[in-house]
Amino acid sequence: MQKDPYQIIKHRYITEKSSVLMGLQHAESNACIRKCKNPKVVFIVDNKATKRDIALAVEKIYAEKHIKVISVNTITVKPKERRVRGKIGKTKKFKKAIVTLEEGDTIDEQA
């Protein structure tokens, strides 16, 4: 049974570092950076999702934009210990997916 793409891809993860990854496709400052013509987008995904599931889900969600996924890298972020008013707790673990798109593809969403 195949999952719904919106169950696999929870939401887009927009941070300063993910914005830099997306902007590398336009950078011309360095010879190594000029090779990064493929845009990268970061998503929060289901903890049990595989790389193939993530790639298919991104292509289904953005089918009207004809997005082609080249590769997917995943990172599981471990829970961190936090203290709030003297009580010790932990954050939840989550899984990030860095999706590399084909050159020229973009995912521009207005938040």
C-alpha atoms as a PDB file:
ATOM      1  CA  MET A   1       0.000   0.000   0.000  1.00  0.00           C
ATOM      2  CA  GLN A   2       1.398   3.355  -1.033  1.00  0.00           C
ATOM      3  CA  LYS A   3       1.217   6.343   1.302  1.00  0.00           C
ATOM      4  CA  ASP A   4      -0.246   9.700   0.444  1.00  0.00           C
ATOM      5  CA  PRO A   5       2.556  12.112  -0.634  1.00  0.00           C
ATOM      6  CA  TYR A   6       1.383  14.620   1.980  1.00  0.00           C
ATOM      7  CA  GLN A   7       1.934  12.006   4.722  1.00  0.00           C
ATOM      8  CA  ILE A   8       5.522  11.488   3.573  1.00  0.00           C
ATOM      9  CA  ILE A   9       6.407  15.174   3.058  1.00  0.00           C
ATOM     10  CA  LYS A  10       5.261  17.062   6.149  1.00  0.00           C
ATOM     11  CA  HIS A  11       6.457  20.557   5.263  1.00  0.00           C
ATOM     12  CA  ARG A  12       9.286  22.565   3.807  1.00  0.00           C
ATOM     13  CA  TYR A  13      12.122  23.396   6.208  1.00  0.00           C
ATOM     14  CA  ILE A  14      13.186  27.005   5.706  1.00  0.00           C
ATOM     15  CA  THR A  15      16.223  28.111   7.678  1.00  0.00           C
ATOM     16  CA  GLU A  16      19.215  30.292   6.896  1.00  0.00           C
ATOM     17  CA  LYS A  17      21.264  27.261   5.892  1.00  0.00           C
ATOM     18  CA  SER A  18      18.549  25.852   3.613  1.00  0.00           C
ATOM     19  CA  SER A  19      18.204  29.268   1.953  1.00  0.00           C
ATOM     20  CA  VAL A  20      21.945  29.268   1.254  1.00  0.00           C
ATOM     21  CA  LEU A  21      21.649  25.784  -0.304  1.00  0.00           C
ATOM     22  CA  MET A  22      18.849  27.009  -2.574  1.00  0.00           C
ATOM     23  CA  GLY A  23      20.841  30.116  -3.539  1.00  0.00           C
ATOM     24  CA  LEU A  24      24.009  28.242  -4.534  1.00  0.00           C
ATOM     25  CA  GLN A  25      22.657  27.744  -8.047  1.00  0.00           C
ATOM     26  CA  HIS A  26      23.060  31.486  -8.745  1.00  0.00           C
ATOM     27  CA  ALA A  27      26.473  31.927  -7.081  1.00  0.00           C
ATOM     28  CA  GLU A  28      29.495  32.731  -9.257  1.00  0.00           C
ATOM     29  CA  SER A  29      32.078  33.675  -6.608  1.00  0.00           C
ATOM     30  CA  ASN A  30      34.122  30.469  -6.569  1.00  0.00           C
ATOM     31  CA  ALA A  31      35.011  27.773  -9.109  1.00  0.00           C
ATOM     32  CA  CYS A  32      33.719  25.013  -6.803  1.00  0.00           C
ATOM     33  CA  ILE A  33      30.452  26.846  -6.141  1.00  0.00           C
ATOM     34  CA  ARG A  34      29.875  27.444  -9.871  1.00  0.00           C
ATOM     35  CA  LYS A  35      29.451  23.661 -10.240  1.00  0.00           C
ATOM     36  CA  CYS A  36      26.370  23.717  -7.970  1.00  0.00           C
ATOM     37  CA  LYS A  37      23.824  24.421 -10.704  1.00  0.00           C
ATOM     38  CA  ASN A  38      21.228  21.998  -9.334  1.00  0.00           C
ATOM     39  CA  PRO A  39      18.920  23.604  -6.728  1.00  0.00           C
ATOM     40  CA  LYS A  40      18.500  21.905  -3.349  1.00  0.00           C
ATOM     41  CA  VAL A  41      15.349  22.053  -1.227  1.00  0.00           C
ATOM     42  CA  VAL A  42      14.999  20.860   2.390  1.00  0.00           C
ATOM     43  CA  PHE A  43      11.842  19.145   3.693  1.00  0.00           C
ATOM     44  CA  ILE A  44      10.739  17.629   7.004  1.00  0.00           C
ATOM     45  CA  VAL A  45       9.603  14.082   6.211  1.00  0.00           C
ATOM     46  CA  ASP A  46       8.073  11.061   7.933  1.00  0.00           C
ATOM     47  CA  ASN A  47      10.588   9.190  10.099  1.00  0.00           C
ATOM     48  CA  LYS A  48       9.936   5.894   8.270  1.00  0.00           C
ATOM     49  CA  ALA A  49      10.093   7.324   4.732  1.00  0.00           C
ATOM     50  CA  THR A  50      12.729   5.966   2.356  1.00  0.00           C
ATOM     51  CA  LYS A  51      14.659   8.034  -0.161  1.00  0.00           C
ATOM     52  CA  ARG A  52      12.626   6.561  -3.018  1.00  0.00           C
ATOM     53  CA  ASP A  53       9.337   7.390  -1.233  1.00  0.00           C
ATOM     54  CA  ILE A  54      10.519  10.981  -0.715  1.00  0.00           C
ATOM     55  CA  ALA A  55      11.544  11.410  -4.356  1.00  0.00           C
ATOM     56  CA  LEU A  56       8.216  10.081  -5.653  1.00  0.00           C
ATOM     57  CA  ALA A  57       6.235  12.212  -3.179  1.00  0.00           C
ATOM     58  CA  VAL A  58       8.033  15.431  -4.187  1.00  0.00           C
ATOM     59  CA  GLU A  59       7.454  14.673  -7.875  1.00  0.00           C
ATOM     60  CA  LYS A  60       3.732  14.002  -7.220  1.00  0.00           C
ATOM     61  CA  ILE A  61       3.196  17.104  -5.090  1.00  0.00           C
ATOM     62  CA  TYR A  62       4.882  19.386  -7.634  1.00  0.00           C
ATOM     63  CA  ALA A  63       3.631  17.549 -10.740  1.00  0.00           C
ATOM     64  CA  GLU A  64       2.153  20.727 -12.253  1.00  0.00           C
ATOM     65  CA  LYS A  65       5.625  22.332 -12.212  1.00  0.00           C
ATOM     66  CA  HIS A  66       7.189  19.219 -13.842  1.00  0.00           C
ATOM     67  CA  ILE A  67       9.797  18.810 -11.084  1.00  0.00           C
ATOM     68  CA  LYS A  68      12.428  16.082 -11.583  1.00  0.00           C
ATOM     69  CA  VAL A  69      14.289  14.820  -8.482  1.00  0.00           C
ATOM     70  CA  ILE A  70      17.938  13.882  -9.080  1.00  0.00           C
ATOM     71  CA  SER A  71      18.911  12.727  -5.582  1.00  0.00           C
ATOM     72  CA  VAL A  72      17.750  12.675  -1.969  1.00  0.00           C
ATOM     73  CA  ASN A  73      19.943  12.867   1.129  1.00  0.00           C
ATOM     74  CA  THR A  74      18.355  12.217   4.528  1.00  0.00           C
ATOM     75  CA  ILE A  75      19.395  13.231   8.029  1.00  0.00           C
ATOM     76  CA  THR A  76      17.773  12.073  11.280  1.00  0.00           C
ATOM     77  CA  VAL A  77      18.061  14.843  13.870  1.00  0.00           C
ATOM     78  CA  LYS A  78      18.401  13.413  17.371  1.00  0.00           C
ATOM     79  CA  PRO A  79      16.336  14.770  20.276  1.00  0.00           C
ATOM     80  CA  LYS A  80      17.967  17.468  22.398  1.00  0.00           C
ATOM     81  CA  GLU A  81      17.599  17.924  26.124  1.00  0.00           C
ATOM     82  CA  ARG A  82      15.874  21.158  27.161  1.00  0.00           C
ATOM     83  CA  ARG A  83      15.154  22.785  30.512  1.00  0.00           C
ATOM     84  CA  VAL A  84      12.032  24.852  31.022  1.00  0.00           C
ATOM     85  CA  ARG A  85      11.458  26.352  34.477  1.00  0.00           C
ATOM     86  CA  GLY A  86      13.663  23.722  36.094  1.00  0.00           C
ATOM     87  CA  LYS A  87      11.988  20.765  34.401  1.00  0.00           C
ATOM     88  CA  ILE A  88      14.026  18.590  32.070  1.00  0.00           C
ATOM     89  CA  GLY A  89      12.493  17.473  28.809  1.00  0.00           C
ATOM     90  CA  LYS A  90      13.467  16.483  25.301  1.00  0.00           C
ATOM     91  CA  THR A  91      12.584  17.738  21.861  1.00  0.00           C
ATOM     92  CA  LYS A  92      11.207  15.271  19.337  1.00  0.00           C
ATOM     93  CA  LYS A  93      13.463  13.635  16.793  1.00  0.00           C
ATOM     94  CA  PHE A  94      12.722  14.348  13.159  1.00  0.00           C
ATOM     95  CA  LYS A  95      13.986  13.481   9.711  1.00  0.00           C
ATOM     96  CA  LYS A  96      15.166  16.040   7.148  1.00  0.00           C
ATOM     97  CA  ALA A  97      15.478  15.368   3.439  1.00  0.00           C
ATOM     98  CA  ILE A  98      17.733  17.442   1.182  1.00  0.00           C
ATOM     99  CA  VAL A  99      16.253  17.019  -2.284  1.00  0.00           C
ATOM    100  CA  THR A 100      18.394  17.879  -5.317  1.00  0.00           C
ATOM    101  CA  LEU A 101      16.322  18.980  -8.294  1.00  0.00           C
ATOM    102  CA  GLU A 102      17.178  19.002 -11.972  1.00  0.00           C
ATOM    103  CA  GLU A 103      18.963  22.115 -13.235  1.00  0.00           C
ATOM    104  CA  GLY A 104      16.472  24.878 -13.968  1.00  0.00           C
ATOM    105  CA  ASP A 105      13.681  23.524 -11.717  1.00  0.00           C
ATOM    106  CA  THR A 106      12.458  25.703  -8.855  1.00  0.00           C
ATOM    107  CA  ILE A 107       9.957  25.408  -6.043  1.00  0.00           C
ATOM    108  CA  ASP A 108       8.873  28.928  -5.200  1.00  0.00           C
ATOM    109  CA  GLU A 109       6.210  29.056  -2.496  1.00  0.00           C
ATOM    110  CA  GLN A 110       4.934  32.117  -0.763  1.00  0.00           C
ATOM    111  CA  ALA A 111       4.674  31.384   2.955  1.00  0.00           C
END
